[in-house]
Structures are given as C-alpha cells and as structure tokens.
Amino acid sequence: MAANEKFTGYFGTYTKGDSVGIYSFTLDAINGKIIEVKAAAALENPTYLTISEDNRFLYAVAKEGGSGGVAGFAIKDSGDLSFINTQLSAGASPCHVSVNRENNLLLSANYHKSSADSYLVNPENGSIEAALSSAVHEGSGPDERQEKAHTHYAGFTPDGKYAAVIDLGIDQLITYSLDNGQLIEKSVLGIAPGSGPRHLVFHPNNKIAYLMTEFSSEVLALKYNSGNASFEQFQAITTLPADFTENNQGSAIHISSDGKFVYAANRGHDSIAVFSVAPENFELTFVEHTSTEGNWPRDFVLDPSEKFLIATNQNSSNVALYSRDEETGRLTLLQSDVTVPDPVCVKFLNY
C-alpha cells in the first residue's frame, strides 16, 4: 500500500464537446480531495488510457480525422505529457488499450472493426511500431446491438503469455497466445447469448477472474487455467436491484489488491455495485449500491492506497470521489462537484 500524500492520475475523454483530450489531476489523500485538474495533452477521443509499469509512458486510443489507432506519450516529472508518436489506420478508433509489464507489447480492442490488434513498443523510448498482428472476429448475437462482432477489451493474462480478448457482439471471451507478439487463438469461452460481455479483471491469486457484462448487467466469476489459457464460469450475479427495470448498461469492473472486494459500475442505475469475495470459493456476495452522483458512470478506479475510489460520469461531465472502508468495502461520498468534460477512463500512476 502506498503512503504518499498525493497521487497523480489521468482522465481519458470524448472530445465531442468541451474536452481537448487527456487531463491530469492530483488526489490529495490527506484532505480527501481531487485537485489540479488540467489539460495534459491534446488528442481526439482518447477514451481509454493505460500507463507503463515504470510510469515513464502513457498510451491512449486515438482518432485523427477518418483514421484511428493508438498514441504514445512520455510522462514528465511534472505529470505533463510529451507526445511520442501514433500508429493509425483508416477507420474507427479502438475502445480499449493495454500494455504489458515489459512495455514492449501493446494490445488494442476495436469495437467497430471487430478486431484485437497487437503492436510492438520500444521499451527505451516508448515509441509504438506499426500494427504487428490483427485478429478479426466474425458472427452476431441475439440482441439488436449484436448485429456483428464488437471487440471491447484486450488485456494480458497475469503471466503475460496470453491476451484475454472480450467480444461483446458474439458473447465470447477469446484467449490468444502471443508468440513474438502474434495473436494466435488458443481457447474460447462462450458467454450466455445476449449478455454482452465487456471487461475483465483478475483476482490477485491469478487463478480467478471476474467479467462484467454490459447488456445483462452481471458479474461472472471465472476459473482461469494458465496451462491451456482457458476459462470456466462458476457464478453469475446481478449488479442491479431486483426492482430496477429501466435501461442499464454495465461498464467497468475492478478488484481490490487484497482480493476481498469487487466493484462494478452501472450506467443507467448510475451506481457502483460492491461485492465481497468469499475466501474459500471466490464467489461474490452483494454488499451495497452507491450512487455515482452523476449520469452514465463509464469508468472508475481505486487509488494506489486503495483508501479512495474515483468514478467518472460521462454524460454529466463530473467526477465523484469516495473514501473506501478497507474492511467492509463500502464507499462514502467525499466530493462530486469536480468538473471534467465528457470523462471516460481514469488511471493513476503506479506507486
């Protein structure tokens, strides 16, 4: 656990309104406040961000006219960002990006192109090379929003050997090996038709993962077999109250580093659902719902000390800060009047 008094973080945004791109901020952990929100880099629609483990580089999804791809930035001591380069191709931009621990391989997921893509990265200067490999998904699902494949997440398994890729359009979690950065399919887990799987987080024991669905608003508990890169579902639990019948779309999911609590965001119900993790079988039990004090919470993050949680409300352009009880997992609102235009992703530097 970090003992710092201040933590630096970044917001990724949509630039369709007042936003200019990526914003930096400081979490004052002593006074429990978000301060010093400012523009850090101009970039079109940097809706998802990832930061290298050594805090030297930040990578973002990027759009430039009719092209989309990924962008790299060097992180200065001041927290400001210095542009390195982009790798773009014709068509829509990705919706998710991740980088491995060695900072030599980048993954992106492209919702509109139905693809997962890999890029080699120069770990010394952070520059991104041209796309190395692309895995294009095909198919459809029963929901009207599943007219074709829609790749939504591409992340690394804990051992770094595989890419875990989620496709919302075809209800699948697909695992790829990463031989020299090439995406080669290894295994497929079918998710309940029409559930719309979206994002994934691994338990710190590296043997369990939790998957958030967008359409069915559930968290799925999965066993992960690193030997053959396969997943097996053993629980599904709703993120919504039983009496909620309005539109909802699940968004982000995160887990505390002690593996005791899972958090999942609801867009529509506009809440964070809190779950406790059973130590004997890793099944989830609902704890509480906490309002995000805004409209359409696209993402959230635990701060490096894990004493706080920050949620981004995309449609109301505000950010909410909570204190977190590390024993019960419950959240207490501290601040909800922080203005960030069209915020989507939020990430902290590693401490």
Protein backbone atom coordinates (compact mmCIF):
# COMPACT_ATOMS: atom_id res chain seq x y z
CA MET A 1 0.00 0.00 0.00
CA ALA A 2 1.25 3.43 -0.87
CA ALA A 3 1.88 6.01 1.86
CA ASN A 4 2.04 9.07 -0.38
CA GLU A 5 0.10 12.20 0.48
CA LYS A 6 -0.63 12.98 -3.17
CA PHE A 7 -1.24 10.80 -6.21
CA THR A 8 -1.17 11.78 -9.88
CA GLY A 9 -3.79 10.45 -12.28
CA TYR A 10 -5.25 10.99 -15.75
CA PHE A 11 -8.68 11.17 -17.33
CA GLY A 12 -9.39 10.00 -20.87
CA THR A 13 -12.35 11.75 -22.52
CA TYR A 14 -14.54 12.19 -25.54
CA THR A 15 -13.63 15.39 -27.38
CA LYS A 16 -17.04 15.89 -28.98
CA GLY A 17 -17.80 18.75 -26.56
CA ASP A 18 -15.54 20.95 -24.44
CA SER A 19 -12.74 18.46 -23.89
CA VAL A 20 -9.37 18.87 -25.60
CA GLY A 21 -8.07 15.37 -24.82
CA ILE A 22 -6.27 13.89 -21.81
CA TYR A 23 -6.48 15.62 -18.42
CA SER A 24 -4.21 15.18 -15.42
CA PHE A 25 -5.24 15.57 -11.80
CA THR A 26 -3.96 15.17 -8.27
CA LEU A 27 -5.62 13.25 -5.47
CA ASP A 28 -4.90 14.96 -2.15
CA ALA A 29 -5.09 11.90 0.11
CA ILE A 30 -4.68 13.92 3.30
CA ASN A 31 -7.69 16.14 2.72
CA GLY A 32 -9.66 13.70 0.56
CA LYS A 33 -9.97 15.96 -2.47
CA ILE A 34 -9.35 15.89 -6.21
CA ILE A 35 -7.35 18.98 -7.15
CA GLU A 36 -5.34 20.46 -10.02
CA VAL A 37 -7.43 19.13 -12.91
CA LYS A 38 -5.81 20.41 -16.10
CA ALA A 39 -5.34 19.52 -19.76
CA ALA A 40 -2.24 17.34 -20.19
CA ALA A 41 -2.33 16.52 -23.91
CA ALA A 42 -4.47 17.45 -26.92
CA LEU A 43 -5.78 14.34 -28.63
CA GLU A 44 -9.03 13.42 -30.37
CA ASN A 45 -11.22 10.98 -28.40
CA PRO A 46 -8.61 9.45 -26.04
CA THR A 47 -11.36 7.44 -24.38
CA TYR A 48 -9.12 4.76 -22.87
CA LEU A 49 -5.66 5.02 -21.34
CA THR A 50 -3.02 2.72 -19.93
CA ILE A 51 0.24 3.51 -18.13
CA SER A 52 3.50 1.56 -18.25
CA GLU A 53 4.51 -0.16 -15.04
CA ASP A 54 7.58 2.09 -14.66
CA ASN A 55 5.42 5.26 -15.07
CA ARG A 56 7.52 6.51 -17.98
CA PHE A 57 4.85 6.25 -20.67
CA LEU A 58 1.12 6.68 -21.18
CA TYR A 59 -0.72 5.11 -24.10
CA ALA A 60 -4.16 6.11 -25.37
CA VAL A 61 -6.62 5.16 -28.05
CA ALA A 62 -6.64 7.93 -30.64
CA LYS A 63 -8.65 9.32 -33.52
CA GLU A 64 -7.43 11.62 -36.27
CA GLY A 65 -9.99 12.52 -38.91
CA GLY A 66 -11.10 9.31 -40.57
CA SER A 67 -8.35 7.22 -39.00
CA GLY A 68 -7.97 5.58 -35.62
CA GLY A 69 -5.32 3.80 -33.61
CA VAL A 70 -3.06 4.32 -30.62
CA ALA A 71 -0.85 7.15 -29.33
CA GLY A 72 2.14 7.21 -27.01
CA PHE A 73 3.27 9.91 -24.57
CA ALA A 74 6.22 10.33 -22.24
CA ILE A 75 5.23 11.22 -18.68
CA LYS A 76 7.25 14.12 -17.32
CA ASP A 77 8.15 14.57 -13.65
CA SER A 78 5.57 17.34 -13.53
CA GLY A 79 2.87 14.94 -14.72
CA ASP A 80 2.62 16.70 -18.08
CA LEU A 81 2.63 14.54 -21.21
CA SER A 82 5.04 14.79 -24.12
CA PHE A 83 3.84 13.33 -27.43
CA ILE A 84 5.91 10.45 -28.84
CA ASN A 85 4.04 9.05 -31.85
CA THR A 86 0.85 7.48 -33.16
CA GLN A 87 0.04 4.42 -35.20
CA LEU A 88 -3.17 4.98 -37.16
CA SER A 89 -5.11 3.19 -39.86
CA ALA A 90 -8.24 4.03 -41.84
CA GLY A 91 -11.48 3.59 -39.98
CA ALA A 92 -12.78 3.85 -36.42
CA SER A 93 -10.51 4.14 -33.41
CA PRO A 94 -10.17 1.39 -30.76
CA CYS A 95 -12.08 1.45 -27.46
CA HIS A 96 -9.51 -0.24 -25.21
CA VAL A 97 -5.72 -0.37 -24.90
CA SER A 98 -3.31 -2.19 -22.57
CA VAL A 99 0.45 -2.61 -22.28
CA ASN A 100 2.48 -5.46 -20.80
CA ARG A 101 4.84 -5.21 -17.81
CA GLU A 102 7.93 -5.11 -20.01
CA ASN A 103 6.45 -2.22 -22.01
CA ASN A 104 7.33 -3.92 -25.28
CA LEU A 105 3.88 -5.05 -26.43
CA LEU A 106 0.63 -3.11 -26.74
CA LEU A 107 -2.87 -4.51 -27.28
CA SER A 108 -5.95 -2.69 -28.50
CA ALA A 109 -9.59 -3.69 -28.98
CA ASN A 110 -11.62 -2.13 -31.78
CA TYR A 111 -15.39 -2.21 -31.28
CA HIS A 112 -16.30 -1.10 -34.79
CA LYS A 113 -13.67 -3.13 -36.67
CA SER A 114 -14.37 -6.27 -34.58
CA SER A 115 -10.65 -6.78 -34.03
CA ALA A 116 -7.91 -7.17 -31.47
CA ASP A 117 -4.55 -5.76 -32.54
CA SER A 118 -1.00 -6.03 -31.25
CA TYR A 119 1.83 -3.51 -31.58
CA LEU A 120 5.49 -3.80 -30.67
CA VAL A 121 6.74 -0.98 -28.43
CA ASN A 122 10.28 0.28 -27.94
CA PRO A 123 10.70 -0.01 -24.15
CA GLU A 124 13.54 2.52 -24.16
CA ASN A 125 11.77 5.49 -25.76
CA GLY A 126 8.15 4.35 -25.64
CA SER A 127 7.53 4.62 -29.39
CA ILE A 128 4.89 2.37 -30.95
CA GLU A 129 5.66 0.41 -34.10
CA ALA A 130 3.13 -0.36 -36.84
CA ALA A 131 0.44 -2.91 -36.00
CA LEU A 132 2.03 -6.35 -35.87
CA SER A 133 -0.97 -8.67 -35.77
CA SER A 134 -4.75 -8.42 -36.05
CA ALA A 135 -7.39 -10.94 -35.01
CA VAL A 136 -10.75 -10.16 -36.62
CA HIS A 137 -13.89 -11.69 -35.11
CA GLU A 138 -16.99 -12.74 -37.01
CA GLY A 139 -20.55 -13.54 -36.00
CA SER A 140 -23.50 -11.95 -34.25
CA GLY A 141 -25.74 -12.32 -31.21
CA PRO A 142 -29.45 -12.22 -30.32
CA ASP A 143 -29.51 -8.63 -29.09
CA GLU A 144 -30.14 -5.93 -31.70
CA ARG A 145 -26.84 -4.34 -30.70
CA GLN A 146 -25.08 -7.59 -31.58
CA GLU A 147 -25.56 -7.28 -35.35
CA LYS A 148 -21.88 -8.22 -35.72
CA ALA A 149 -18.80 -8.84 -33.60
CA HIS A 150 -17.79 -5.93 -31.35
CA THR A 151 -14.41 -6.42 -29.65
CA HIS A 152 -14.45 -4.44 -26.41
CA TYR A 153 -11.45 -5.47 -24.31
CA ALA A 154 -7.93 -6.78 -24.94
CA GLY A 155 -5.75 -7.34 -21.88
CA PHE A 156 -2.86 -9.52 -20.78
CA THR A 157 -3.21 -12.59 -18.59
CA PRO A 158 -1.25 -12.34 -15.31
CA ASP A 159 1.69 -14.38 -16.64
CA GLY A 160 1.89 -12.14 -19.71
CA LYS A 161 1.82 -15.12 -22.09
CA TYR A 162 -1.68 -14.61 -23.43
CA ALA A 163 -4.14 -11.95 -24.50
CA ALA A 164 -7.61 -12.21 -22.98
CA VAL A 165 -9.99 -10.61 -25.50
CA ILE A 166 -13.69 -9.96 -24.91
CA ASP A 167 -16.17 -9.61 -27.75
CA LEU A 168 -19.49 -8.03 -26.81
CA GLY A 169 -21.12 -8.76 -30.15
CA ILE A 170 -20.63 -12.52 -30.19
CA ASP A 171 -20.69 -13.18 -26.41
CA GLN A 172 -17.21 -14.67 -26.23
CA LEU A 173 -14.03 -14.47 -24.19
CA ILE A 174 -11.24 -15.49 -26.54
CA THR A 175 -7.69 -16.23 -25.41
CA TYR A 176 -4.75 -15.75 -27.77
CA SER A 177 -1.12 -16.77 -27.39
CA LEU A 178 1.39 -14.01 -28.06
CA ASP A 179 4.19 -15.76 -29.90
CA ASN A 180 6.53 -12.91 -30.87
CA GLY A 181 3.52 -10.61 -30.50
CA GLN A 182 1.42 -12.58 -33.00
CA LEU A 183 -2.18 -13.22 -31.89
CA ILE A 184 -2.90 -16.94 -32.24
CA GLU A 185 -6.22 -18.28 -30.93
CA LYS A 186 -5.89 -20.73 -28.02
CA SER A 187 -9.33 -21.08 -26.40
CA VAL A 188 -12.86 -19.69 -26.45
CA LEU A 189 -15.37 -19.34 -23.62
CA GLY A 190 -18.95 -18.81 -24.73
CA ILE A 191 -20.93 -16.42 -22.55
CA ALA A 192 -24.73 -16.57 -22.23
CA PRO A 193 -26.24 -15.33 -25.53
CA GLY A 194 -27.24 -11.67 -25.40
CA SER A 195 -25.32 -10.90 -22.21
CA GLY A 196 -22.80 -8.64 -23.95
CA PRO A 197 -19.51 -9.28 -22.10
CA ARG A 198 -17.44 -6.12 -21.75
CA HIS A 199 -14.47 -6.01 -19.33
CA LEU A 200 -12.39 -8.40 -17.23
CA VAL A 201 -10.30 -8.23 -14.06
CA PHE A 202 -8.08 -10.92 -12.50
CA HIS A 203 -8.03 -11.84 -8.83
CA PRO A 204 -4.54 -11.39 -7.30
CA ASN A 205 -4.21 -15.18 -6.99
CA ASN A 206 -4.12 -15.24 -10.84
CA LYS A 207 -6.46 -18.27 -10.88
CA ILE A 208 -9.80 -16.44 -10.79
CA ALA A 209 -11.19 -13.66 -12.99
CA TYR A 210 -14.36 -11.56 -12.87
CA LEU A 211 -16.10 -10.44 -16.04
CA MET A 212 -18.60 -7.57 -16.37
CA THR A 213 -21.45 -7.88 -18.86
CA GLU A 214 -22.96 -4.79 -20.45
CA PHE A 215 -26.40 -6.00 -21.54
CA SER A 216 -27.34 -8.41 -18.75
CA SER A 217 -25.64 -6.28 -16.03
CA GLU A 218 -23.94 -9.19 -14.32
CA VAL A 219 -20.56 -10.11 -12.90
CA LEU A 220 -19.40 -13.56 -13.97
CA ALA A 221 -16.89 -15.42 -11.81
CA LEU A 222 -14.43 -17.49 -13.84
CA LYS A 223 -11.73 -20.05 -13.12
CA TYR A 224 -8.59 -19.45 -15.18
CA ASN A 225 -6.32 -22.32 -16.23
CA SER A 226 -2.95 -20.84 -17.19
CA GLY A 227 -1.79 -24.20 -18.55
CA ASN A 228 -4.13 -24.15 -21.53
CA ALA A 229 -5.27 -20.50 -21.32
CA SER A 230 -8.90 -21.49 -20.77
CA PHE A 231 -11.69 -20.05 -18.62
CA GLU A 232 -14.65 -21.75 -16.90
CA GLN A 233 -17.61 -19.88 -15.41
CA PHE A 234 -18.83 -20.83 -11.92
CA GLN A 235 -21.08 -17.92 -10.89
CA ALA A 236 -23.23 -15.12 -12.28
CA ILE A 237 -24.55 -12.35 -10.02
CA THR A 238 -26.57 -9.28 -10.95
CA THR A 239 -25.24 -5.76 -10.42
CA LEU A 240 -28.76 -4.28 -10.15
CA PRO A 241 -31.51 -4.13 -7.52
CA ALA A 242 -34.34 -6.59 -8.14
CA ASP A 243 -36.88 -3.79 -8.62
CA PHE A 244 -34.88 -1.80 -11.19
CA THR A 245 -36.48 -2.17 -14.63
CA GLU A 246 -35.13 0.82 -16.59
CA ASN A 247 -32.31 0.78 -19.13
CA ASN A 248 -28.93 -0.14 -17.71
CA GLN A 249 -25.59 -0.93 -19.28
CA GLY A 250 -22.77 -2.40 -17.23
CA SER A 251 -19.41 -0.67 -17.66
CA ALA A 252 -16.20 -1.02 -15.63
CA ILE A 253 -15.07 -3.65 -13.13
CA HIS A 254 -12.15 -3.57 -10.66
CA ILE A 255 -10.91 -5.59 -7.69
CA SER A 256 -9.04 -4.58 -4.54
CA SER A 257 -5.43 -5.77 -4.39
CA ASP A 258 -6.20 -7.98 -1.37
CA GLY A 259 -8.79 -9.80 -3.46
CA LYS A 260 -11.56 -9.19 -0.93
CA PHE A 261 -13.85 -6.85 -2.88
CA VAL A 262 -15.06 -6.48 -6.46
CA TYR A 263 -16.59 -3.22 -7.72
CA ALA A 264 -18.77 -2.88 -10.83
CA ALA A 265 -20.35 0.21 -12.41
CA ASN A 266 -23.91 0.58 -13.70
CA ARG A 267 -24.79 3.12 -16.41
CA GLY A 268 -28.50 3.86 -16.10
CA HIS A 269 -28.85 2.88 -12.47
CA ASP A 270 -25.81 5.19 -12.12
CA SER A 271 -24.20 3.32 -9.28
CA ILE A 272 -21.21 1.33 -8.14
CA ALA A 273 -22.16 -2.18 -7.00
CA VAL A 274 -19.90 -3.57 -4.27
CA PHE A 275 -19.35 -7.30 -3.76
CA SER A 276 -17.36 -9.24 -1.18
CA VAL A 277 -15.27 -12.23 -2.31
CA ALA A 278 -15.61 -15.47 -0.34
CA PRO A 279 -12.08 -16.63 0.58
CA GLU A 280 -12.94 -20.32 0.31
CA ASN A 281 -14.55 -20.46 -3.14
CA PHE A 282 -14.19 -16.89 -4.56
CA GLU A 283 -17.92 -16.48 -5.10
CA LEU A 284 -19.35 -12.98 -4.81
CA THR A 285 -21.89 -11.68 -2.29
CA PHE A 286 -23.61 -8.33 -2.80
CA VAL A 287 -22.69 -5.64 -0.24
CA GLU A 288 -24.22 -2.33 -1.41
CA HIS A 289 -25.03 0.10 -4.20
CA THR A 290 -23.56 3.61 -4.07
CA SER A 291 -24.79 6.42 -6.33
CA THR A 292 -22.17 7.90 -8.64
CA GLU A 293 -23.78 11.34 -8.19
CA GLY A 294 -23.98 11.82 -11.94
CA ASN A 295 -25.10 10.39 -15.25
CA TRP A 296 -23.59 7.38 -17.04
CA PRO A 297 -20.54 6.24 -15.00
CA ARG A 298 -18.24 4.95 -17.72
CA ASP A 299 -15.28 4.07 -15.54
CA PHE A 300 -13.85 4.23 -12.02
CA VAL A 301 -10.60 3.41 -10.27
CA LEU A 302 -9.22 2.61 -6.83
CA ASP A 303 -6.39 4.97 -5.91
CA PRO A 304 -2.93 3.49 -5.21
CA SER A 305 -3.57 3.46 -1.44
CA GLU A 306 -7.00 1.88 -2.07
CA LYS A 307 -8.47 4.17 0.57
CA PHE A 308 -10.36 6.07 -2.16
CA LEU A 309 -12.37 5.40 -5.29
CA ILE A 310 -12.96 7.83 -8.18
CA ALA A 311 -15.88 7.44 -10.62
CA THR A 312 -16.29 9.27 -13.94
CA ASN A 313 -19.78 10.31 -15.08
CA GLN A 314 -19.58 10.71 -18.85
CA ASN A 315 -22.92 12.39 -19.63
CA SER A 316 -22.92 14.84 -16.69
CA SER A 317 -19.21 15.73 -17.03
CA ASN A 318 -18.46 15.30 -13.34
CA VAL A 319 -16.24 13.09 -11.24
CA ALA A 320 -17.10 11.67 -7.82
CA LEU A 321 -14.63 10.82 -5.05
CA TYR A 322 -15.32 8.33 -2.25
CA SER A 323 -13.46 7.09 0.76
CA ARG A 324 -13.32 3.29 0.95
CA ASP A 325 -13.59 1.16 4.06
CA GLU A 326 -10.92 -1.48 3.56
CA GLU A 327 -12.64 -3.87 5.99
CA THR A 328 -16.19 -3.72 4.62
CA GLY A 329 -15.57 -2.48 1.07
CA ARG A 330 -18.24 0.21 1.50
CA LEU A 331 -17.94 3.66 -0.06
CA THR A 332 -18.63 7.08 1.45
CA LEU A 333 -19.04 10.13 -0.79
CA LEU A 334 -16.48 12.92 -0.31
CA GLN A 335 -16.78 15.03 -3.45
CA SER A 336 -18.98 15.10 -6.55
CA ASP A 337 -18.54 18.60 -7.98
CA VAL A 338 -15.29 18.01 -9.86
CA THR A 339 -15.81 19.05 -13.48
CA VAL A 340 -14.14 17.09 -16.28
CA PRO A 341 -15.67 17.34 -19.78
CA ASP A 342 -17.08 14.03 -21.08
CA PRO A 343 -14.86 11.84 -18.87
CA VAL A 344 -14.50 8.17 -19.73
CA CYS A 345 -11.36 6.43 -18.43
CA VAL A 346 -9.43 7.21 -15.23
CA LYS A 347 -5.98 5.86 -14.37
CA PHE A 348 -3.36 6.54 -11.68
CA LEU A 349 0.40 6.39 -11.90
CA ASN A 350 1.81 3.28 -10.21
CA TYR A 351 3.13 3.83 -6.69
